[in-house]
Amino acid sequence: MLICSSPDDALARIGRALADSNRQQILLAMLDGATYPSDLARQLGTSRSNVSNHLACLRGCGLVVAELQGRTVRYELADPHLARALRELIDVVLAVDPDPSCGPDDGVGRRVVAPAAAAALASSQRQRGQVAR
């Protein structure tokens, strides 16, 4: 297991890993258990070399481990705590500013907010009397 020198280092590694949608999908696939690059490539609809590059990043971040099995390599999450943390992150409801400074852009310079997050924010603001119904 990778030992980080500080909480900041640990969060930076997780942030780097989660910054790419392919790596997000790989981590989500690994919640079901160990897997192989060829299975991940098929599941994600991408090439094995692309998956291997992302797995190398995830290994470098300390989030997955590789085990050689004959001529193939099997990958799994590095720690059961990580699986639990990822599941918790998925279940978190985020209240976000309708115009956040980060996030996808709609092509006209406006930030895109997920409908569920926007609804959660509006509900929260209504409860506090900050917006009209």
C-alpha atoms as a PDB file:
ATOM      1  CA  MET A   1       0.000   0.000   0.000  1.00  0.00           C
ATOM      2  CA  LEU A   2       1.194   3.501  -0.834  1.00  0.00           C
ATOM      3  CA  ILE A   3       1.802   5.746   2.159  1.00  0.00           C
ATOM      4  CA  CYS A   4       1.349   9.451   1.422  1.00  0.00           C
ATOM      5  CA  SER A   5       3.452  12.005   3.199  1.00  0.00           C
ATOM      6  CA  SER A   6       0.467  14.222   3.985  1.00  0.00           C
ATOM      7  CA  PRO A   7      -3.317  14.466   3.656  1.00  0.00           C
ATOM      8  CA  ASP A   8      -2.725  17.074   0.931  1.00  0.00           C
ATOM      9  CA  ASP A   9      -0.680  14.542  -1.044  1.00  0.00           C
ATOM     10  CA  ALA A  10      -3.376  11.885  -0.660  1.00  0.00           C
ATOM     11  CA  LEU A  11      -6.104  14.268  -1.851  1.00  0.00           C
ATOM     12  CA  ALA A  12      -3.969  15.441  -4.775  1.00  0.00           C
ATOM     13  CA  ARG A  13      -3.485  11.832  -5.897  1.00  0.00           C
ATOM     14  CA  ILE A  14      -7.205  11.115  -5.672  1.00  0.00           C
ATOM     15  CA  GLY A  15      -8.028  14.345  -7.488  1.00  0.00           C
ATOM     16  CA  ARG A  16      -5.632  13.509 -10.299  1.00  0.00           C
ATOM     17  CA  ALA A  17      -7.128  10.039 -10.631  1.00  0.00           C
ATOM     18  CA  LEU A  18     -10.711  11.321 -10.706  1.00  0.00           C
ATOM     19  CA  ALA A  19      -9.958  14.174 -13.124  1.00  0.00           C
ATOM     20  CA  ASP A  20     -10.459  11.956 -16.181  1.00  0.00           C
ATOM     21  CA  SER A  21     -13.773  10.327 -17.088  1.00  0.00           C
ATOM     22  CA  ASN A  22     -12.065   7.144 -18.329  1.00  0.00           C
ATOM     23  CA  ARG A  23     -10.293   6.721 -14.988  1.00  0.00           C
ATOM     24  CA  GLN A  24     -13.588   7.372 -13.212  1.00  0.00           C
ATOM     25  CA  GLN A  25     -15.215   4.577 -15.228  1.00  0.00           C
ATOM     26  CA  ILE A  26     -12.301   2.228 -14.525  1.00  0.00           C
ATOM     27  CA  LEU A  27     -12.553   2.864 -10.788  1.00  0.00           C
ATOM     28  CA  LEU A  28     -16.320   2.346 -10.882  1.00  0.00           C
ATOM     29  CA  ALA A  29     -15.841  -0.943 -12.738  1.00  0.00           C
ATOM     30  CA  MET A  30     -13.386  -2.063 -10.073  1.00  0.00           C
ATOM     31  CA  LEU A  31     -15.991  -1.585  -7.356  1.00  0.00           C
ATOM     32  CA  ASP A  32     -17.301  -4.976  -8.505  1.00  0.00           C
ATOM     33  CA  GLY A  33     -13.894  -6.583  -7.962  1.00  0.00           C
ATOM     34  CA  ALA A  34     -10.648  -7.296  -9.768  1.00  0.00           C
ATOM     35  CA  THR A  35     -10.601  -7.072 -13.542  1.00  0.00           C
ATOM     36  CA  TYR A  36      -8.381  -7.260 -16.604  1.00  0.00           C
ATOM     37  CA  PRO A  37      -7.418  -4.508 -19.070  1.00  0.00           C
ATOM     38  CA  SER A  38      -9.106  -6.307 -21.981  1.00  0.00           C
ATOM     39  CA  ASP A  39     -12.379  -6.518 -20.030  1.00  0.00           C
ATOM     40  CA  LEU A  40     -12.153  -2.835 -19.117  1.00  0.00           C
ATOM     41  CA  ALA A  41     -11.423  -1.868 -22.740  1.00  0.00           C
ATOM     42  CA  ARG A  42     -14.492  -3.775 -23.919  1.00  0.00           C
ATOM     43  CA  GLN A  43     -16.647  -2.294 -21.147  1.00  0.00           C
ATOM     44  CA  LEU A  44     -15.486   1.283 -21.837  1.00  0.00           C
ATOM     45  CA  GLY A  45     -15.488   0.911 -25.614  1.00  0.00           C
ATOM     46  CA  THR A  46     -11.864   1.985 -25.939  1.00  0.00           C
ATOM     47  CA  SER A  47      -8.509   0.426 -26.804  1.00  0.00           C
ATOM     48  CA  ARG A  48      -6.459  -1.743 -24.475  1.00  0.00           C
ATOM     49  CA  SER A  49      -3.534   0.665 -24.803  1.00  0.00           C
ATOM     50  CA  ASN A  50      -5.765   3.554 -23.691  1.00  0.00           C
ATOM     51  CA  VAL A  51      -6.944   1.533 -20.687  1.00  0.00           C
ATOM     52  CA  SER A  52      -3.356   0.511 -19.891  1.00  0.00           C
ATOM     53  CA  ASN A  53      -2.269   4.167 -19.875  1.00  0.00           C
ATOM     54  CA  HIS A  54      -5.066   5.050 -17.463  1.00  0.00           C
ATOM     55  CA  LEU A  55      -4.266   2.036 -15.276  1.00  0.00           C
ATOM     56  CA  ALA A  56      -0.635   3.193 -15.128  1.00  0.00           C
ATOM     57  CA  CYS A  57      -1.836   6.580 -13.872  1.00  0.00           C
ATOM     58  CA  LEU A  58      -4.093   4.940 -11.288  1.00  0.00           C
ATOM     59  CA  ARG A  59      -1.196   2.744 -10.140  1.00  0.00           C
ATOM     60  CA  GLY A  60       1.041   5.799  -9.918  1.00  0.00           C
ATOM     61  CA  CYS A  61      -1.610   7.528  -7.823  1.00  0.00           C
ATOM     62  CA  GLY A  62      -1.671   4.482  -5.536  1.00  0.00           C
ATOM     63  CA  LEU A  63      -5.334   3.683  -6.153  1.00  0.00           C
ATOM     64  CA  VAL A  64      -4.993   0.334  -7.929  1.00  0.00           C
ATOM     65  CA  VAL A  65      -2.590  -2.573  -7.679  1.00  0.00           C
ATOM     66  CA  ALA A  66      -1.586  -5.047 -10.356  1.00  0.00           C
ATOM     67  CA  GLU A  67      -1.047  -8.764  -9.946  1.00  0.00           C
ATOM     68  CA  LEU A  68       0.643 -10.833 -12.625  1.00  0.00           C
ATOM     69  CA  GLN A  69      -1.323 -13.997 -13.399  1.00  0.00           C
ATOM     70  CA  GLY A  70       0.580 -16.009 -15.942  1.00  0.00           C
ATOM     71  CA  ARG A  71       0.757 -13.854 -19.056  1.00  0.00           C
ATOM     72  CA  THR A  72      -1.999 -11.470 -17.985  1.00  0.00           C
ATOM     73  CA  VAL A  73      -2.223  -8.746 -15.377  1.00  0.00           C
ATOM     74  CA  ARG A  74      -5.196  -8.413 -13.068  1.00  0.00           C
ATOM     75  CA  TYR A  75      -6.001  -5.039 -11.497  1.00  0.00           C
ATOM     76  CA  GLU A  76      -7.951  -4.221  -8.373  1.00  0.00           C
ATOM     77  CA  LEU A  77      -8.481  -1.326  -6.002  1.00  0.00           C
ATOM     78  CA  ALA A  78      -5.498  -0.914  -3.703  1.00  0.00           C
ATOM     79  CA  ASP A  79      -7.510  -0.792  -0.493  1.00  0.00           C
ATOM     80  CA  PRO A  80     -11.028  -1.734   0.654  1.00  0.00           C
ATOM     81  CA  HIS A  81     -11.297   1.743   2.209  1.00  0.00           C
ATOM     82  CA  LEU A  82     -11.054   3.197  -1.300  1.00  0.00           C
ATOM     83  CA  ALA A  83     -14.056   1.185  -2.502  1.00  0.00           C
ATOM     84  CA  ARG A  84     -16.076   2.399   0.462  1.00  0.00           C
ATOM     85  CA  ALA A  85     -14.945   6.003  -0.101  1.00  0.00           C
ATOM     86  CA  LEU A  86     -15.859   5.873  -3.802  1.00  0.00           C
ATOM     87  CA  ARG A  87     -19.308   4.510  -2.974  1.00  0.00           C
ATOM     88  CA  GLU A  88     -19.786   7.300  -0.434  1.00  0.00           C
ATOM     89  CA  LEU A  89     -18.707   9.936  -2.963  1.00  0.00           C
ATOM     90  CA  ILE A  90     -21.227   8.585  -5.452  1.00  0.00           C
ATOM     91  CA  ASP A  91     -23.981   8.867  -2.849  1.00  0.00           C
ATOM     92  CA  VAL A  92     -23.142  12.439  -1.862  1.00  0.00           C
ATOM     93  CA  VAL A  93     -25.607  15.080  -2.972  1.00  0.00           C
ATOM     94  CA  LEU A  94     -23.729  18.205  -3.939  1.00  0.00           C
ATOM     95  CA  ALA A  95     -25.249  21.656  -3.714  1.00  0.00           C
ATOM     96  CA  VAL A  96     -23.391  23.742  -6.247  1.00  0.00           C
ATOM     97  CA  ASP A  97     -23.455  27.362  -7.294  1.00  0.00           C
ATOM     98  CA  PRO A  98     -25.410  27.713 -10.559  1.00  0.00           C
ATOM     99  CA  ASP A  99     -22.330  29.361 -12.084  1.00  0.00           C
ATOM    100  CA  PRO A 100     -19.394  27.420 -10.616  1.00  0.00           C
ATOM    101  CA  SER A 101     -15.864  28.406 -11.519  1.00  0.00           C
ATOM    102  CA  CYS A 102     -15.031  24.848 -12.529  1.00  0.00           C
ATOM    103  CA  GLY A 103     -16.928  22.221 -14.403  1.00  0.00           C
ATOM    104  CA  PRO A 104     -17.935  21.627 -17.985  1.00  0.00           C
ATOM    105  CA  ASP A 105     -18.641  24.612 -20.203  1.00  0.00           C
ATOM    106  CA  ASP A 106     -21.764  24.752 -22.378  1.00  0.00           C
ATOM    107  CA  GLY A 107     -19.785  26.203 -25.299  1.00  0.00           C
ATOM    108  CA  VAL A 108     -21.013  29.769 -24.720  1.00  0.00           C
ATOM    109  CA  GLY A 109     -18.893  30.433 -21.647  1.00  0.00           C
ATOM    110  CA  ARG A 110     -21.488  29.263 -19.130  1.00  0.00           C
ATOM    111  CA  ARG A 111     -20.852  26.395 -16.747  1.00  0.00           C
ATOM    112  CA  VAL A 112     -23.077  23.336 -16.928  1.00  0.00           C
ATOM    113  CA  VAL A 113     -24.710  22.213 -13.692  1.00  0.00           C
ATOM    114  CA  ALA A 114     -26.152  18.725 -13.385  1.00  0.00           C
ATOM    115  CA  PRO A 115     -29.970  18.895 -13.120  1.00  0.00           C
ATOM    116  CA  ALA A 116     -29.990  16.999  -9.811  1.00  0.00           C
ATOM    117  CA  ALA A 117     -27.408  19.358  -8.326  1.00  0.00           C
ATOM    118  CA  ALA A 118     -29.309  22.417  -9.547  1.00  0.00           C
ATOM    119  CA  ALA A 119     -32.546  21.053  -8.051  1.00  0.00           C
ATOM    120  CA  ALA A 120     -30.812  20.355  -4.734  1.00  0.00           C
ATOM    121  CA  LEU A 121     -29.417  23.892  -4.665  1.00  0.00           C
ATOM    122  CA  ALA A 122     -32.787  25.463  -5.505  1.00  0.00           C
ATOM    123  CA  SER A 123     -34.514  23.392  -2.818  1.00  0.00           C
ATOM    124  CA  SER A 124     -31.889  24.362  -0.260  1.00  0.00           C
ATOM    125  CA  GLN A 125     -32.194  28.048  -1.175  1.00  0.00           C
ATOM    126  CA  ARG A 126     -36.012  27.907  -0.967  1.00  0.00           C
ATOM    127  CA  GLN A 127     -35.791  26.389   2.502  1.00  0.00           C
ATOM    128  CA  ARG A 128     -33.590  29.284   3.571  1.00  0.00           C
ATOM    129  CA  GLY A 129     -35.889  31.821   1.883  1.00  0.00           C
ATOM    130  CA  GLN A 130     -33.222  32.879  -0.613  1.00  0.00           C
ATOM    131  CA  VAL A 131     -35.238  32.427  -3.813  1.00  0.00           C
ATOM    132  CA  ALA A 132     -38.866  32.603  -4.799  1.00  0.00           C
ATOM    133  CA  ARG A 133     -40.678  29.394  -5.654  1.00  0.00           C
END
